């Protein structure tokens, strides 16, 4: 049983760190370095959203990604980031079809990332979290490594 608990803890950590790296890359590389923040704001405006939401999205993705990598309140961070993905699906990607390689990007990738955020929120922090989170819906059920008493 201890080996299974360790495997779940490692898997949860891998999920948390890879999800965090993805959000960091998406915010910094795409929104900041590729389009620039004014370009990101202009894109948001072009799809009918307020331009300030582009800046909010950048900050949420960058800080949220960093928090996930470091293991800072991962459950809450995943819950906070999930609506950004649903918003991306509803306002940009849904009309482009399923495949993300479609022009304008389909909704498969943001939907997948939403599911990963949901899984992270349910699983917790995993190993090496700087500030582990708990929540009312899963209090006391954060993934922990069982100690072998033998």
C-alpha atoms as a PDB file:
ATOM      1  CA  UNK A   1       0.000   0.000   0.000  1.00  0.00           C
ATOM      2  CA  UNK A   2       2.872   2.370   0.749  1.00  0.00           C
ATOM      3  CA  UNK A   3       4.223   1.929  -2.797  1.00  0.00           C
ATOM      4  CA  UNK A   4       0.817   2.830  -4.267  1.00  0.00           C
ATOM      5  CA  UNK A   5       0.570   5.915  -2.043  1.00  0.00           C
ATOM      6  CA  UNK A   6       4.039   6.979  -3.124  1.00  0.00           C
ATOM      7  CA  UNK A   7       3.108   6.484  -6.782  1.00  0.00           C
ATOM      8  CA  UNK A   8      -0.001   8.643  -6.372  1.00  0.00           C
ATOM      9  CA  UNK A   9       1.999  11.326  -4.585  1.00  0.00           C
ATOM     10  CA  UNK A  10       4.632  11.346  -7.345  1.00  0.00           C
ATOM     11  CA  UNK A  11       1.955  11.424 -10.064  1.00  0.00           C
ATOM     12  CA  UNK A  12       0.181  14.304  -8.315  1.00  0.00           C
ATOM     13  CA  UNK A  13       3.459  16.210  -8.108  1.00  0.00           C
ATOM     14  CA  UNK A  14       4.197  15.601 -11.792  1.00  0.00           C
ATOM     15  CA  UNK A  15       0.717  16.851 -12.681  1.00  0.00           C
ATOM     16  CA  UNK A  16       1.134  19.968 -10.531  1.00  0.00           C
ATOM     17  CA  UNK A  17       4.574  20.903 -11.861  1.00  0.00           C
ATOM     18  CA  UNK A  18       3.796  20.200 -15.534  1.00  0.00           C
ATOM     19  CA  UNK A  19       0.508  22.110 -15.336  1.00  0.00           C
ATOM     20  CA  UNK A  20       2.341  25.010 -13.711  1.00  0.00           C
ATOM     21  CA  UNK A  21       5.056  25.026 -16.384  1.00  0.00           C
ATOM     22  CA  UNK A  22       2.370  24.999 -19.086  1.00  0.00           C
ATOM     23  CA  UNK A  23       0.575  28.015 -17.576  1.00  0.00           C
ATOM     24  CA  UNK A  24       3.892  29.856 -17.153  1.00  0.00           C
ATOM     25  CA  UNK A  25       4.875  29.150 -20.764  1.00  0.00           C
ATOM     26  CA  UNK A  26       1.448  30.120 -22.096  1.00  0.00           C
ATOM     27  CA  UNK A  27       1.491  33.422 -20.241  1.00  0.00           C
ATOM     28  CA  UNK A  28       5.117  34.449 -20.587  1.00  0.00           C
ATOM     29  CA  UNK A  29       6.030  33.020 -24.006  1.00  0.00           C
ATOM     30  CA  UNK A  30       2.713  33.538 -25.813  1.00  0.00           C
ATOM     31  CA  UNK A  31       1.082  36.527 -24.168  1.00  0.00           C
ATOM     32  CA  UNK A  32       4.149  38.519 -23.093  1.00  0.00           C
ATOM     33  CA  UNK A  33       6.957  37.647 -25.521  1.00  0.00           C
ATOM     34  CA  UNK A  34       5.058  36.698 -28.700  1.00  0.00           C
ATOM     35  CA  UNK A  35       2.045  39.039 -28.753  1.00  0.00           C
ATOM     36  CA  UNK A  36       3.093  41.500 -26.053  1.00  0.00           C
ATOM     37  CA  UNK A  37       0.618  42.540 -23.389  1.00  0.00           C
ATOM     38  CA  UNK A  38      -0.889  45.342 -25.544  1.00  0.00           C
ATOM     39  CA  UNK A  39      -1.319  42.794 -28.359  1.00  0.00           C
ATOM     40  CA  UNK A  40      -2.939  40.351 -25.966  1.00  0.00           C
ATOM     41  CA  UNK A  41      -5.321  43.085 -24.782  1.00  0.00           C
ATOM     42  CA  UNK A  42      -6.133  43.936 -28.406  1.00  0.00           C
ATOM     43  CA  UNK A  43      -6.897  40.275 -29.135  1.00  0.00           C
ATOM     44  CA  UNK A  44      -9.253  40.106 -26.169  1.00  0.00           C
ATOM     45  CA  UNK A  45     -11.001  43.231 -27.451  1.00  0.00           C
ATOM     46  CA  UNK A  46     -11.243  41.706 -30.962  1.00  0.00           C
ATOM     47  CA  UNK A  47     -13.222  38.739 -29.625  1.00  0.00           C
ATOM     48  CA  UNK A  48     -15.621  40.968 -27.709  1.00  0.00           C
ATOM     49  CA  UNK A  49     -13.981  40.860 -24.286  1.00  0.00           C
ATOM     50  CA  UNK A  50     -12.749  43.892 -22.363  1.00  0.00           C
ATOM     51  CA  UNK A  51      -9.088  44.560 -23.112  1.00  0.00           C
ATOM     52  CA  UNK A  52      -8.224  44.710 -19.378  1.00  0.00           C
ATOM     53  CA  UNK A  53      -9.147  41.029 -19.157  1.00  0.00           C
ATOM     54  CA  UNK A  54      -6.078  40.247 -21.266  1.00  0.00           C
ATOM     55  CA  UNK A  55      -3.858  41.700 -18.548  1.00  0.00           C
ATOM     56  CA  UNK A  56      -5.793  39.898 -15.802  1.00  0.00           C
ATOM     57  CA  UNK A  57      -5.476  36.620 -17.701  1.00  0.00           C
ATOM     58  CA  UNK A  58      -1.732  37.108 -18.127  1.00  0.00           C
ATOM     59  CA  UNK A  59      -1.235  37.780 -14.405  1.00  0.00           C
ATOM     60  CA  UNK A  60      -3.471  34.861 -13.387  1.00  0.00           C
ATOM     61  CA  UNK A  61      -1.666  32.428 -15.689  1.00  0.00           C
ATOM     62  CA  UNK A  62       1.830  33.641 -14.750  1.00  0.00           C
ATOM     63  CA  UNK A  63       1.292  33.769 -10.980  1.00  0.00           C
ATOM     64  CA  UNK A  64      -0.896  30.656 -11.022  1.00  0.00           C
ATOM     65  CA  UNK A  65       1.713  28.738 -13.000  1.00  0.00           C
ATOM     66  CA  UNK A  66       4.452  29.779 -10.597  1.00  0.00           C
ATOM     67  CA  UNK A  67       2.291  28.851  -7.591  1.00  0.00           C
ATOM     68  CA  UNK A  68       1.620  25.406  -9.070  1.00  0.00           C
ATOM     69  CA  UNK A  69       5.299  24.762  -9.767  1.00  0.00           C
ATOM     70  CA  UNK A  70       6.193  25.743  -6.210  1.00  0.00           C
ATOM     71  CA  UNK A  71       3.217  23.970  -4.645  1.00  0.00           C
ATOM     72  CA  UNK A  72       1.580  27.024  -3.153  1.00  0.00           C
ATOM     73  CA  UNK A  73      -2.093  26.352  -2.416  1.00  0.00           C
ATOM     74  CA  UNK A  74      -2.363  24.149  -5.523  1.00  0.00           C
ATOM     75  CA  UNK A  75      -5.997  23.158  -5.014  1.00  0.00           C
ATOM     76  CA  UNK A  76      -7.146  26.766  -4.924  1.00  0.00           C
ATOM     77  CA  UNK A  77      -4.867  27.848  -7.767  1.00  0.00           C
ATOM     78  CA  UNK A  78      -6.241  25.098 -10.021  1.00  0.00           C
ATOM     79  CA  UNK A  79      -9.804  26.132  -9.140  1.00  0.00           C
ATOM     80  CA  UNK A  80      -9.010  29.790  -9.899  1.00  0.00           C
ATOM     81  CA  UNK A  81      -7.396  28.975 -13.260  1.00  0.00           C
ATOM     82  CA  UNK A  82     -10.187  26.660 -14.457  1.00  0.00           C
ATOM     83  CA  UNK A  83     -12.681  29.446 -15.370  1.00  0.00           C
ATOM     84  CA  UNK A  84     -10.051  31.094 -17.584  1.00  0.00           C
ATOM     85  CA  UNK A  85      -9.945  27.884 -19.618  1.00  0.00           C
ATOM     86  CA  UNK A  86     -13.733  27.693 -19.854  1.00  0.00           C
ATOM     87  CA  UNK A  87     -13.744  31.332 -20.956  1.00  0.00           C
ATOM     88  CA  UNK A  88     -11.168  30.584 -23.648  1.00  0.00           C
ATOM     89  CA  UNK A  89     -13.303  27.721 -24.899  1.00  0.00           C
ATOM     90  CA  UNK A  90     -16.534  29.740 -24.916  1.00  0.00           C
ATOM     91  CA  UNK A  91     -15.190  32.949 -26.447  1.00  0.00           C
ATOM     92  CA  UNK A  92     -12.412  31.814 -28.799  1.00  0.00           C
ATOM     93  CA  UNK A  93     -11.991  28.100 -29.420  1.00  0.00           C
ATOM     94  CA  UNK A  94     -15.461  26.529 -29.522  1.00  0.00           C
ATOM     95  CA  UNK A  95     -16.385  27.924 -32.934  1.00  0.00           C
ATOM     96  CA  UNK A  96     -13.095  26.621 -34.375  1.00  0.00           C
ATOM     97  CA  UNK A  97     -14.020  22.971 -33.900  1.00  0.00           C
ATOM     98  CA  UNK A  98     -12.474  20.223 -31.832  1.00  0.00           C
ATOM     99  CA  UNK A  99      -8.867  19.958 -33.059  1.00  0.00           C
ATOM    100  CA  UNK A 100      -6.489  22.496 -31.605  1.00  0.00           C
ATOM    101  CA  UNK A 101      -4.460  22.532 -34.834  1.00  0.00           C
ATOM    102  CA  UNK A 102      -7.463  24.066 -36.641  1.00  0.00           C
ATOM    103  CA  UNK A 103      -7.083  27.732 -37.636  1.00  0.00           C
ATOM    104  CA  UNK A 104      -7.596  29.777 -34.477  1.00  0.00           C
ATOM    105  CA  UNK A 105      -7.179  26.656 -32.346  1.00  0.00           C
ATOM    106  CA  UNK A 106      -9.980  24.247 -31.505  1.00  0.00           C
ATOM    107  CA  UNK A 107     -11.248  23.505 -28.026  1.00  0.00           C
ATOM    108  CA  UNK A 108      -9.582  20.125 -27.344  1.00  0.00           C
ATOM    109  CA  UNK A 109      -6.487  21.530 -25.598  1.00  0.00           C
ATOM    110  CA  UNK A 110      -8.209  24.073 -23.317  1.00  0.00           C
ATOM    111  CA  UNK A 111     -10.792  21.401 -22.419  1.00  0.00           C
ATOM    112  CA  UNK A 112      -7.993  18.981 -21.558  1.00  0.00           C
ATOM    113  CA  UNK A 113      -6.289  21.611 -19.414  1.00  0.00           C
ATOM    114  CA  UNK A 114      -9.601  22.263 -17.645  1.00  0.00           C
ATOM    115  CA  UNK A 115      -9.816  18.556 -16.769  1.00  0.00           C
ATOM    116  CA  UNK A 116      -6.221  18.654 -15.515  1.00  0.00           C
ATOM    117  CA  UNK A 117      -7.089  21.631 -13.288  1.00  0.00           C
ATOM    118  CA  UNK A 118     -10.079  19.704 -11.932  1.00  0.00           C
ATOM    119  CA  UNK A 119      -7.877  16.663 -11.243  1.00  0.00           C
ATOM    120  CA  UNK A 120      -5.285  18.858  -9.497  1.00  0.00           C
ATOM    121  CA  UNK A 121      -7.965  20.440  -7.340  1.00  0.00           C
ATOM    122  CA  UNK A 122      -9.217  16.998  -6.323  1.00  0.00           C
ATOM    123  CA  UNK A 123      -5.800  15.397  -5.788  1.00  0.00           C
ATOM    124  CA  UNK A 124      -4.131  18.211  -3.894  1.00  0.00           C
ATOM    125  CA  UNK A 125      -0.495  19.212  -3.868  1.00  0.00           C
ATOM    126  CA  UNK A 126       1.604  16.077  -4.038  1.00  0.00           C
ATOM    127  CA  UNK A 127       5.181  16.115  -2.768  1.00  0.00           C
ATOM    128  CA  UNK A 128       7.465  19.079  -2.066  1.00  0.00           C
ATOM    129  CA  UNK A 129       4.696  21.689  -1.825  1.00  0.00           C
ATOM    130  CA  UNK A 130       5.849  24.912  -0.171  1.00  0.00           C
ATOM    131  CA  UNK A 131       2.372  25.756   1.110  1.00  0.00           C
ATOM    132  CA  UNK A 132       0.061  22.724   0.965  1.00  0.00           C
ATOM    133  CA  UNK A 133      -3.615  23.402   0.542  1.00  0.00           C
ATOM    134  CA  UNK A 134      -6.704  21.915   2.074  1.00  0.00           C
ATOM    135  CA  UNK A 135     -10.291  22.570   1.189  1.00  0.00           C
ATOM    136  CA  UNK A 136     -13.763  21.985   2.537  1.00  0.00           C
ATOM    137  CA  UNK A 137     -14.655  19.435  -0.144  1.00  0.00           C
ATOM    138  CA  UNK A 138     -11.557  17.312   0.473  1.00  0.00           C
ATOM    139  CA  UNK A 139     -10.271  18.332   3.896  1.00  0.00           C
ATOM    140  CA  UNK A 140      -7.757  15.849   5.169  1.00  0.00           C
ATOM    141  CA  UNK A 141      -7.577  13.990   1.862  1.00  0.00           C
ATOM    142  CA  UNK A 142      -4.513  15.653   0.392  1.00  0.00           C
ATOM    143  CA  UNK A 143      -2.237  13.060  -1.174  1.00  0.00           C
ATOM    144  CA  UNK A 144       0.319  11.991   1.394  1.00  0.00           C
ATOM    145  CA  UNK A 145       2.982   9.327   1.402  1.00  0.00           C
ATOM    146  CA  UNK A 146       2.137   6.497   3.768  1.00  0.00           C
ATOM    147  CA  UNK A 147       5.004   5.615   6.098  1.00  0.00           C
ATOM    148  CA  UNK A 148       6.045   1.985   6.051  1.00  0.00           C
ATOM    149  CA  UNK A 149       6.200   0.853   9.683  1.00  0.00           C
ATOM    150  CA  UNK A 150       8.308  -2.249   8.890  1.00  0.00           C
END
